[in-house]
């Protein structure tokens, strides 16, 4: 469970806003429970009204899972259509790439998996995979043509995603050691949701540190701090 605080205010909204400022986050990233309001007694009419709310910062997994689109299982027919679409598209486009490009396209009820190999495809990966994910969206549109449902495509190029996971896990371990040694929190640079999730998952079982996301996309980032 994420960080829990009790916030106060003259109204429920004020109490919530005070808590959001304290957590440095937004409403969609917390669970809110309104506690019993402090009622005025007959002999204390001058006592200000106080509303208390309990606010729990959501784990990254919970927040991001709610953002994910529901994955529709594909029929066998849709799988065949999608696979054919992607194969035909890649056959045409890879002819323009430098060097020999090999690719493997697999279909399942969850979508299409594409693995591409060519050491000259760095331009198709881009800075921190930004171009790769854009190209993945294009392939999803291509795969969905003629299918009864939108087809989800998972693309990897030169095992970039696998390497990126290892890089982020190594970063998480190093930063956790820094926090433990210095006893000061570390704020990482802005990352994509899937990257924050990798670091959060890596440190979730660490008994000495905790993680939380702050800020708004696309500048949302992780903070690693000592557990209280």
Protein backbone atom coordinates (compact mmCIF):
# COMPACT_ATOMS: atom_id res chain seq x y z
CA UNK A 1 0.00 0.00 0.00
CA UNK A 2 1.20 3.53 -0.78
CA UNK A 3 1.88 6.41 1.61
CA UNK A 4 -1.06 7.34 3.87
CA UNK A 5 -1.73 10.79 5.35
CA UNK A 6 -4.53 12.49 7.25
CA UNK A 7 -5.39 15.95 5.92
CA UNK A 8 -7.65 18.61 7.43
CA UNK A 9 -9.69 21.53 6.14
CA UNK A 10 -12.81 23.58 6.76
CA UNK A 11 -14.53 21.70 3.92
CA UNK A 12 -14.02 18.32 2.29
CA UNK A 13 -12.56 19.93 -0.84
CA UNK A 14 -10.17 22.04 1.19
CA UNK A 15 -9.00 18.99 3.14
CA UNK A 16 -8.43 17.07 -0.10
CA UNK A 17 -6.56 19.95 -1.74
CA UNK A 18 -4.35 20.34 1.33
CA UNK A 19 -3.54 16.63 1.18
CA UNK A 20 -2.75 16.73 -2.54
CA UNK A 21 -0.30 19.58 -1.93
CA UNK A 22 1.32 17.61 0.87
CA UNK A 23 1.69 14.52 -1.33
CA UNK A 24 2.66 16.62 -4.35
CA UNK A 25 0.29 14.68 -6.60
CA UNK A 26 -3.15 14.89 -8.24
CA UNK A 27 -6.55 13.48 -7.33
CA UNK A 28 -6.46 10.54 -9.74
CA UNK A 29 -3.34 9.18 -8.03
CA UNK A 30 -4.82 8.81 -4.53
CA UNK A 31 -7.58 6.92 -2.76
CA UNK A 32 -9.67 9.25 -0.60
CA UNK A 33 -11.70 8.36 2.48
CA UNK A 34 -13.64 11.07 4.31
CA UNK A 35 -13.33 10.52 8.06
CA UNK A 36 -15.92 11.60 10.61
CA UNK A 37 -16.30 15.35 10.70
CA UNK A 38 -15.68 17.20 13.94
CA UNK A 39 -19.12 18.43 14.94
CA UNK A 40 -19.80 21.66 16.77
CA UNK A 41 -21.06 21.29 20.31
CA UNK A 42 -23.60 23.66 21.82
CA UNK A 43 -20.98 25.32 24.04
CA UNK A 44 -18.28 25.50 21.33
CA UNK A 45 -19.99 27.39 18.53
CA UNK A 46 -16.85 29.46 18.04
CA UNK A 47 -14.76 26.36 17.30
CA UNK A 48 -14.01 26.15 13.56
CA UNK A 49 -15.52 23.23 11.67
CA UNK A 50 -12.87 20.62 10.78
CA UNK A 51 -13.08 17.92 8.11
CA UNK A 52 -10.49 15.15 8.07
CA UNK A 53 -9.76 12.92 5.08
CA UNK A 54 -7.51 9.91 4.81
CA UNK A 55 -5.51 9.92 1.56
CA UNK A 56 -3.57 6.92 0.29
CA UNK A 57 -1.10 7.34 -2.54
CA UNK A 58 -1.75 4.67 -5.13
CA UNK A 59 0.97 2.30 -6.24
CA UNK A 60 2.17 2.91 -9.80
CA UNK A 61 0.83 -0.47 -10.87
CA UNK A 62 -2.69 0.35 -9.69
CA UNK A 63 -2.65 3.78 -11.33
CA UNK A 64 -1.29 2.61 -14.65
CA UNK A 65 -3.50 -0.49 -14.84
CA UNK A 66 -6.57 1.75 -14.65
CA UNK A 67 -5.19 3.81 -17.52
CA UNK A 68 -4.61 0.82 -19.77
CA UNK A 69 -7.19 0.10 -22.40
CA UNK A 70 -9.07 -3.15 -22.05
CA UNK A 71 -7.49 -5.80 -24.26
CA UNK A 72 -10.04 -7.61 -26.41
CA UNK A 73 -9.29 -11.23 -27.27
CA UNK A 74 -8.90 -11.67 -31.00
CA UNK A 75 -10.71 -14.33 -32.98
CA UNK A 76 -8.69 -16.72 -35.11
CA UNK A 77 -9.86 -14.84 -38.20
CA UNK A 78 -8.72 -11.49 -36.82
CA UNK A 79 -5.36 -12.99 -35.88
CA UNK A 80 -4.81 -14.21 -39.43
CA UNK A 81 -5.88 -10.86 -40.93
CA UNK A 82 -3.64 -8.88 -38.58
CA UNK A 83 -0.61 -11.11 -39.12
CA UNK A 84 -1.00 -10.90 -42.91
CA UNK A 85 -1.34 -7.10 -42.76
CA UNK A 86 1.80 -6.68 -40.68
CA UNK A 87 3.87 -9.11 -42.75
CA UNK A 88 2.92 -7.39 -46.02
CA UNK A 89 3.64 -3.94 -44.56
CA UNK A 90 7.05 -4.95 -43.18
CA UNK A 91 8.00 -6.69 -46.40
CA UNK A 92 7.51 -3.44 -48.30
CA UNK A 93 9.03 -1.03 -45.81
CA UNK A 94 12.14 -3.05 -44.88
CA UNK A 95 13.28 -3.01 -48.52
CA UNK A 96 14.19 0.64 -47.95
CA UNK A 97 16.31 -0.04 -44.85
CA UNK A 98 20.09 -0.17 -44.94
CA UNK A 99 21.46 -3.68 -44.48
CA UNK A 100 19.49 -6.89 -44.11
CA UNK A 101 16.45 -6.71 -41.86
CA UNK A 102 14.90 -9.86 -40.47
CA UNK A 103 11.63 -9.93 -38.58
CA UNK A 104 9.33 -12.40 -36.93
CA UNK A 105 5.57 -11.86 -36.58
CA UNK A 106 3.54 -13.96 -34.16
CA UNK A 107 -0.23 -13.80 -33.60
CA UNK A 108 -2.20 -14.72 -30.49
CA UNK A 109 -5.57 -13.90 -28.94
CA UNK A 110 -3.86 -10.97 -27.16
CA UNK A 111 -2.49 -9.38 -30.33
CA UNK A 112 0.56 -9.36 -32.57
CA UNK A 113 4.18 -9.67 -31.46
CA UNK A 114 6.88 -8.33 -33.77
CA UNK A 115 10.64 -8.76 -33.35
CA UNK A 116 12.91 -6.93 -35.79
CA UNK A 117 16.67 -7.39 -36.14
CA UNK A 118 19.07 -5.09 -37.97
CA UNK A 119 21.97 -3.22 -36.39
CA UNK A 120 21.18 -0.24 -38.62
CA UNK A 121 17.73 0.33 -37.10
CA UNK A 122 18.80 2.75 -34.40
CA UNK A 123 16.86 5.49 -36.19
CA UNK A 124 13.70 3.40 -35.72
CA UNK A 125 14.30 3.12 -31.96
CA UNK A 126 15.00 6.79 -31.29
CA UNK A 127 15.75 8.51 -28.00
CA UNK A 128 14.73 6.17 -25.20
CA UNK A 129 12.51 4.22 -27.57
CA UNK A 130 10.21 7.12 -28.48
CA UNK A 131 10.35 6.33 -32.22
CA UNK A 132 9.95 2.62 -31.53
CA UNK A 133 6.70 3.19 -29.64
CA UNK A 134 5.43 5.53 -32.34
CA UNK A 135 6.19 2.88 -34.97
CA UNK A 136 4.45 0.33 -32.76
CA UNK A 137 1.29 2.46 -32.91
CA UNK A 138 1.55 2.59 -36.69
CA UNK A 139 1.83 -1.20 -36.84
CA UNK A 140 -1.25 -1.45 -34.63
CA UNK A 141 -3.22 0.62 -37.14
CA UNK A 142 -1.88 -1.49 -40.01
CA UNK A 143 -2.72 -4.74 -38.21
CA UNK A 144 -6.27 -3.58 -37.46
CA UNK A 145 -7.21 -2.94 -41.10
CA UNK A 146 -10.07 -5.28 -41.99
CA UNK A 147 -10.23 -6.82 -38.50
CA UNK A 148 -13.37 -6.63 -36.38
CA UNK A 149 -11.44 -5.20 -33.40
CA UNK A 150 -8.41 -2.98 -32.94
CA UNK A 151 -5.30 -5.13 -32.76
CA UNK A 152 -2.66 -4.57 -30.11
CA UNK A 153 0.91 -4.81 -31.41
CA UNK A 154 3.99 -5.31 -29.24
CA UNK A 155 7.17 -4.39 -31.11
CA UNK A 156 10.80 -4.86 -30.18
CA UNK A 157 13.85 -3.93 -32.24
CA UNK A 158 17.29 -5.43 -31.61
CA UNK A 159 16.05 -6.52 -28.15
CA UNK A 160 15.89 -2.84 -27.11
CA UNK A 161 13.10 -3.34 -24.58
CA UNK A 162 14.91 -6.20 -22.87
CA UNK A 163 18.08 -4.10 -22.61
CA UNK A 164 16.11 -1.08 -21.37
CA UNK A 165 14.55 -3.12 -18.56
CA UNK A 166 18.00 -4.22 -17.37
CA UNK A 167 19.27 -0.63 -17.54
CA UNK A 168 16.35 0.70 -15.47
CA UNK A 169 16.63 -2.10 -12.91
CA UNK A 170 20.33 -1.35 -12.51
CA UNK A 171 19.49 2.36 -12.07
CA UNK A 172 16.89 1.48 -9.43
CA UNK A 173 19.40 -0.58 -7.46
CA UNK A 174 22.06 2.16 -7.59
CA UNK A 175 19.68 4.92 -6.56
CA UNK A 176 18.30 2.81 -3.70
CA UNK A 177 21.83 2.33 -2.36
CA UNK A 178 22.42 6.08 -2.63
CA UNK A 179 19.24 6.85 -0.68
CA UNK A 180 20.13 4.35 2.05
CA UNK A 181 23.69 5.68 2.31
CA UNK A 182 22.87 9.41 2.31
CA UNK A 183 19.45 9.11 3.97
CA UNK A 184 18.18 11.64 1.42
CA UNK A 185 15.54 11.11 -1.21
CA UNK A 186 16.45 10.96 -4.88
CA UNK A 187 14.25 12.45 -7.61
CA UNK A 188 14.71 10.77 -10.98
CA UNK A 189 14.30 12.54 -14.29
CA UNK A 190 10.90 12.36 -16.05
CA UNK A 191 10.06 8.94 -17.46
CA UNK A 192 7.34 7.20 -19.40
CA UNK A 193 4.74 5.26 -17.35
CA UNK A 194 6.15 1.87 -18.36
CA UNK A 195 9.64 2.96 -17.27
CA UNK A 196 8.43 4.18 -13.87
CA UNK A 197 6.61 0.91 -13.41
CA UNK A 198 9.81 -1.08 -14.00
CA UNK A 199 11.67 0.87 -11.29
CA UNK A 200 8.74 0.75 -8.89
CA UNK A 201 8.41 -3.03 -9.33
CA UNK A 202 12.14 -3.49 -8.84
CA UNK A 203 12.11 -1.68 -5.50
CA UNK A 204 8.72 -2.83 -4.25
CA UNK A 205 10.27 -5.63 -2.17
CA UNK A 206 13.08 -3.44 -0.83
CA UNK A 207 12.56 -3.15 2.92
CA UNK A 208 14.42 0.15 3.27
CA UNK A 209 13.16 2.39 0.45
CA UNK A 210 9.88 3.32 -1.18
CA UNK A 211 8.88 4.99 -4.43
CA UNK A 212 6.18 7.44 -5.43
CA UNK A 213 5.31 9.28 -8.64
CA UNK A 214 4.90 13.06 -8.68
CA UNK A 215 4.05 15.65 -11.30
CA UNK A 216 2.01 15.53 -14.47
CA UNK A 217 2.71 13.81 -17.78
CA UNK A 218 4.96 14.12 -19.67
CA UNK A 219 7.13 15.40 -16.79
CA UNK A 220 5.91 12.89 -14.22
CA UNK A 221 8.81 11.34 -12.33
CA UNK A 222 9.69 8.94 -9.53
CA UNK A 223 11.03 9.81 -6.09
CA UNK A 224 12.94 7.19 -4.14
CA UNK A 225 13.08 7.78 -0.39
CA UNK A 226 13.68 5.96 2.90
CA UNK A 227 10.68 4.10 4.32
CA UNK A 228 9.25 5.78 7.40
